[in-house]
Amino acid sequence: MRVNIPTLILSGGLDAQTPTFRGKVIARSLPDARLVAFPDGTHVQIGAINVCAAQVMMAFVRDPKAALPLGCLSESRFPGFVLPAGGTGE
């Protein structure tokens, strides 16, 4: 059985556990999937405090058929670490 369920796949270009090419395989197998790859992202996008990923996800949840705000991809940088006060140490 196959179903058309809108699916958002977030992938990190630096993910050694599930590389982006695996996300592409999954996206091809789902008829209504959208893959967004973050060049500096690692394994987890939302938990890694990726603001761009959060924006993309929220837009998808609001309307899975609408264009995603992907302009932030070129500006998105993985913060090496986050200090307890919320700063990145840069």
N, C-alpha and C. Protein backbone atom coordinates (compact mmCIF):
# COMPACT_ATOMS: atom_id res chain seq x y z
N MET A 1 0.84 -1.17 0.00
CA MET A 1 0.00 0.00 0.00
C MET A 1 0.89 1.25 0.00
N ARG A 2 0.50 2.25 -0.78
CA ARG A 2 1.21 3.53 -0.85
C ARG A 2 0.25 4.65 -0.54
N VAL A 3 0.72 5.61 0.22
CA VAL A 3 -0.10 6.77 0.54
C VAL A 3 0.66 8.05 0.23
N ASN A 4 -0.08 9.07 -0.13
CA ASN A 4 0.52 10.38 -0.38
C ASN A 4 0.38 11.24 0.86
N ILE A 5 1.39 11.25 1.67
CA ILE A 5 1.41 12.07 2.87
C ILE A 5 2.56 13.05 2.71
N PRO A 6 2.28 14.36 2.79
CA PRO A 6 3.38 15.33 2.70
C PRO A 6 4.44 15.03 3.76
N THR A 7 5.68 14.93 3.32
CA THR A 7 6.77 14.57 4.22
C THR A 7 7.93 15.54 4.01
N LEU A 8 8.45 16.08 5.11
CA LEU A 8 9.61 16.96 5.05
C LEU A 8 10.80 16.20 5.62
N ILE A 9 11.86 16.12 4.84
CA ILE A 9 13.08 15.44 5.26
C ILE A 9 14.16 16.52 5.42
N LEU A 10 14.70 16.63 6.63
CA LEU A 10 15.78 17.58 6.89
C LEU A 10 17.08 16.79 6.97
N SER A 11 18.08 17.23 6.23
CA SER A 11 19.34 16.50 6.18
C SER A 11 20.51 17.45 6.40
N GLY A 12 21.56 16.92 7.00
CA GLY A 12 22.77 17.72 7.22
C GLY A 12 23.88 17.27 6.30
N GLY A 13 24.52 18.22 5.64
CA GLY A 13 25.61 17.90 4.74
C GLY A 13 26.81 17.29 5.44
N LEU A 14 26.91 17.48 6.76
CA LEU A 14 28.03 16.93 7.53
C LEU A 14 27.60 15.74 8.38
N ASP A 15 26.46 15.16 8.07
CA ASP A 15 25.92 14.05 8.86
C ASP A 15 26.62 12.75 8.47
N ALA A 16 27.38 12.20 9.39
CA ALA A 16 28.08 10.94 9.14
C ALA A 16 27.20 9.73 9.45
N GLN A 17 26.11 9.92 10.20
CA GLN A 17 25.24 8.81 10.58
C GLN A 17 24.24 8.47 9.48
N THR A 18 23.56 9.48 8.97
CA THR A 18 22.63 9.29 7.85
C THR A 18 22.92 10.38 6.82
N PRO A 19 23.87 10.15 5.94
CA PRO A 19 24.28 11.16 4.97
C PRO A 19 23.12 11.59 4.05
N THR A 20 23.29 12.74 3.45
CA THR A 20 22.24 13.30 2.58
C THR A 20 21.85 12.35 1.47
N PHE A 21 22.77 11.56 0.96
CA PHE A 21 22.39 10.65 -0.13
C PHE A 21 21.34 9.64 0.34
N ARG A 22 21.31 9.31 1.62
CA ARG A 22 20.27 8.43 2.15
C ARG A 22 18.92 9.16 2.17
N GLY A 23 18.94 10.45 2.51
CA GLY A 23 17.72 11.25 2.48
C GLY A 23 17.15 11.31 1.07
N LYS A 24 18.03 11.38 0.08
CA LYS A 24 17.58 11.41 -1.31
C LYS A 24 16.89 10.09 -1.68
N VAL A 25 17.44 8.99 -1.21
CA VAL A 25 16.82 7.67 -1.47
C VAL A 25 15.42 7.62 -0.87
N ILE A 26 15.30 8.09 0.36
CA ILE A 26 14.00 8.09 1.03
C ILE A 26 13.02 9.01 0.29
N ALA A 27 13.49 10.20 -0.08
CA ALA A 27 12.63 11.16 -0.78
C ALA A 27 12.10 10.58 -2.09
N ARG A 28 12.93 9.83 -2.80
CA ARG A 28 12.48 9.21 -4.05
C ARG A 28 11.42 8.15 -3.81
N SER A 29 11.43 7.54 -2.62
CA SER A 29 10.47 6.47 -2.36
C SER A 29 9.13 6.99 -1.82
N LEU A 30 9.07 8.26 -1.47
CA LEU A 30 7.83 8.85 -0.96
C LEU A 30 7.29 9.81 -2.01
N PRO A 31 6.08 9.61 -2.48
CA PRO A 31 5.56 10.40 -3.59
C PRO A 31 5.38 11.89 -3.28
N ASP A 32 5.24 12.27 -2.03
CA ASP A 32 5.00 13.68 -1.71
C ASP A 32 6.04 14.18 -0.69
N ALA A 33 7.31 13.82 -0.92
CA ALA A 33 8.38 14.20 0.01
C ALA A 33 9.16 15.40 -0.51
N ARG A 34 9.67 16.18 0.43
CA ARG A 34 10.54 17.30 0.12
C ARG A 34 11.79 17.17 0.99
N LEU A 35 12.94 17.22 0.35
CA LEU A 35 14.21 17.10 1.05
C LEU A 35 14.89 18.46 1.10
N VAL A 36 15.31 18.86 2.30
CA VAL A 36 16.06 20.09 2.48
C VAL A 36 17.38 19.71 3.14
N ALA A 37 18.49 19.99 2.45
CA ALA A 37 19.81 19.65 2.98
C ALA A 37 20.52 20.93 3.43
N PHE A 38 20.99 20.92 4.67
CA PHE A 38 21.71 22.04 5.26
C PHE A 38 23.20 21.76 5.13
N PRO A 39 23.93 22.54 4.32
CA PRO A 39 25.34 22.26 4.05
C PRO A 39 26.20 22.09 5.30
N ASP A 40 25.98 22.91 6.32
CA ASP A 40 26.77 22.84 7.54
C ASP A 40 26.12 22.01 8.63
N GLY A 41 24.97 21.40 8.34
CA GLY A 41 24.24 20.66 9.35
C GLY A 41 24.86 19.30 9.64
N THR A 42 24.69 18.86 10.87
CA THR A 42 25.14 17.52 11.24
C THR A 42 23.93 16.60 11.30
N HIS A 43 23.84 15.73 12.29
CA HIS A 43 22.79 14.71 12.31
C HIS A 43 21.41 15.25 12.67
N VAL A 44 21.31 16.20 13.58
CA VAL A 44 20.01 16.70 14.03
C VAL A 44 19.93 18.19 13.72
N GLN A 45 18.89 18.61 13.00
CA GLN A 45 18.77 20.02 12.63
C GLN A 45 18.07 20.84 13.70
N ILE A 46 16.91 20.43 14.13
CA ILE A 46 16.15 21.23 15.09
C ILE A 46 16.83 21.23 16.46
N GLY A 47 17.26 20.11 16.94
CA GLY A 47 17.92 20.03 18.24
C GLY A 47 19.27 20.73 18.27
N ALA A 48 19.83 21.00 17.11
CA ALA A 48 21.12 21.67 17.02
C ALA A 48 20.95 23.19 16.96
N ILE A 49 19.77 23.66 17.28
CA ILE A 49 19.46 25.08 17.28
C ILE A 49 19.71 25.70 15.91
N ASN A 50 19.21 25.06 14.89
CA ASN A 50 19.31 25.54 13.52
C ASN A 50 18.06 26.38 13.25
N VAL A 51 18.20 27.70 13.32
CA VAL A 51 17.07 28.61 13.15
C VAL A 51 16.46 28.46 11.76
N CYS A 52 17.29 28.28 10.76
CA CYS A 52 16.81 28.10 9.39
C CYS A 52 15.93 26.85 9.30
N ALA A 53 16.38 25.76 9.90
CA ALA A 53 15.60 24.52 9.88
C ALA A 53 14.25 24.72 10.56
N ALA A 54 14.24 25.47 11.65
CA ALA A 54 12.98 25.75 12.34
C ALA A 54 12.04 26.55 11.45
N GLN A 55 12.56 27.52 10.72
CA GLN A 55 11.73 28.32 9.82
C GLN A 55 11.15 27.46 8.70
N VAL A 56 11.98 26.60 8.14
CA VAL A 56 11.54 25.71 7.07
C VAL A 56 10.46 24.76 7.59
N MET A 57 10.71 24.18 8.75
CA MET A 57 9.75 23.23 9.32
C MET A 57 8.41 23.90 9.62
N MET A 58 8.44 25.10 10.20
CA MET A 58 7.20 25.79 10.53
C MET A 58 6.41 26.15 9.27
N ALA A 59 7.10 26.57 8.22
CA ALA A 59 6.43 26.88 6.96
C ALA A 59 5.78 25.63 6.39
N PHE A 60 6.47 24.50 6.47
CA PHE A 60 5.94 23.24 5.97
C PHE A 60 4.70 22.81 6.76
N VAL A 61 4.76 22.96 8.06
CA VAL A 61 3.61 22.57 8.90
C VAL A 61 2.41 23.46 8.58
N ARG A 62 2.65 24.75 8.37
CA ARG A 62 1.55 25.67 8.05
C ARG A 62 0.89 25.30 6.72
N ASP A 63 1.72 25.00 5.70
CA ASP A 63 1.18 24.66 4.38
C ASP A 63 2.19 23.79 3.64
N PRO A 64 1.99 22.47 3.67
CA PRO A 64 2.95 21.55 3.05
C PRO A 64 3.13 21.74 1.54
N LYS A 65 2.19 22.40 0.89
CA LYS A 65 2.26 22.59 -0.57
C LYS A 65 2.93 23.91 -0.95
N ALA A 66 3.05 24.84 -0.01
CA ALA A 66 3.62 26.16 -0.31
C ALA A 66 5.13 26.08 -0.50
N ALA A 67 5.66 27.12 -1.13
CA ALA A 67 7.11 27.22 -1.29
C ALA A 67 7.75 27.35 0.09
N LEU A 68 8.87 26.69 0.27
CA LEU A 68 9.59 26.75 1.55
C LEU A 68 10.57 27.92 1.54
N PRO A 69 10.78 28.56 2.69
CA PRO A 69 11.73 29.68 2.77
C PRO A 69 13.18 29.18 2.80
N LEU A 70 13.70 28.87 1.64
CA LEU A 70 15.04 28.27 1.56
C LEU A 70 16.16 29.28 1.41
N GLY A 71 15.83 30.57 1.39
CA GLY A 71 16.85 31.60 1.29
C GLY A 71 17.83 31.58 2.45
N CYS A 72 17.38 31.08 3.58
CA CYS A 72 18.25 31.03 4.76
C CYS A 72 19.32 29.94 4.66
N LEU A 73 19.19 29.02 3.72
CA LEU A 73 20.17 27.92 3.60
C LEU A 73 21.58 28.45 3.35
N SER A 74 21.70 29.47 2.52
CA SER A 74 23.04 29.98 2.21
C SER A 74 23.63 30.75 3.39
N GLU A 75 22.77 31.21 4.29
CA GLU A 75 23.24 31.96 5.46
C GLU A 75 23.37 31.08 6.69
N SER A 76 22.79 29.89 6.64
CA SER A 76 22.76 29.01 7.81
C SER A 76 24.15 28.47 8.11
N ARG A 77 24.58 28.64 9.33
CA ARG A 77 25.86 28.11 9.77
C ARG A 77 25.65 27.38 11.08
N PHE A 78 26.19 26.19 11.17
CA PHE A 78 26.06 25.41 12.39
C PHE A 78 26.89 26.05 13.48
N PRO A 79 26.27 26.42 14.61
CA PRO A 79 27.06 27.01 15.69
C PRO A 79 27.86 25.93 16.40
N GLY A 80 29.15 25.91 16.28
CA GLY A 80 29.98 24.86 16.86
C GLY A 80 29.55 24.41 18.24
N PHE A 81 29.15 25.35 19.09
CA PHE A 81 28.63 25.01 20.40
C PHE A 81 27.81 26.20 20.88
N VAL A 82 26.97 25.98 21.86
CA VAL A 82 26.15 27.04 22.40
C VAL A 82 26.45 27.19 23.88
N LEU A 83 26.75 28.40 24.28
CA LEU A 83 27.04 28.67 25.68
C LEU A 83 25.74 28.67 26.48
N PRO A 84 25.80 28.42 27.79
CA PRO A 84 24.57 28.40 28.61
C PRO A 84 23.74 29.66 28.51
N ALA A 85 24.35 30.81 28.26
CA ALA A 85 23.61 32.06 28.15
C ALA A 85 22.96 32.22 26.78
N GLY A 86 23.16 31.26 25.89
CA GLY A 86 22.55 31.30 24.58
C GLY A 86 23.46 31.84 23.48
N GLY A 87 24.66 32.28 23.82
CA GLY A 87 25.61 32.77 22.83
C GLY A 87 26.34 31.63 22.15
N THR A 88 27.00 31.92 21.05
CA THR A 88 27.75 30.89 20.33
C THR A 88 29.24 30.97 20.57
N GLY A 89 29.69 31.97 21.27
CA GLY A 89 31.11 32.07 21.55
C GLY A 89 31.90 32.68 20.42
N GLU A 90 31.21 33.20 19.38
CA GLU A 90 31.90 33.81 18.23
C GLU A 90 32.26 35.23 18.51
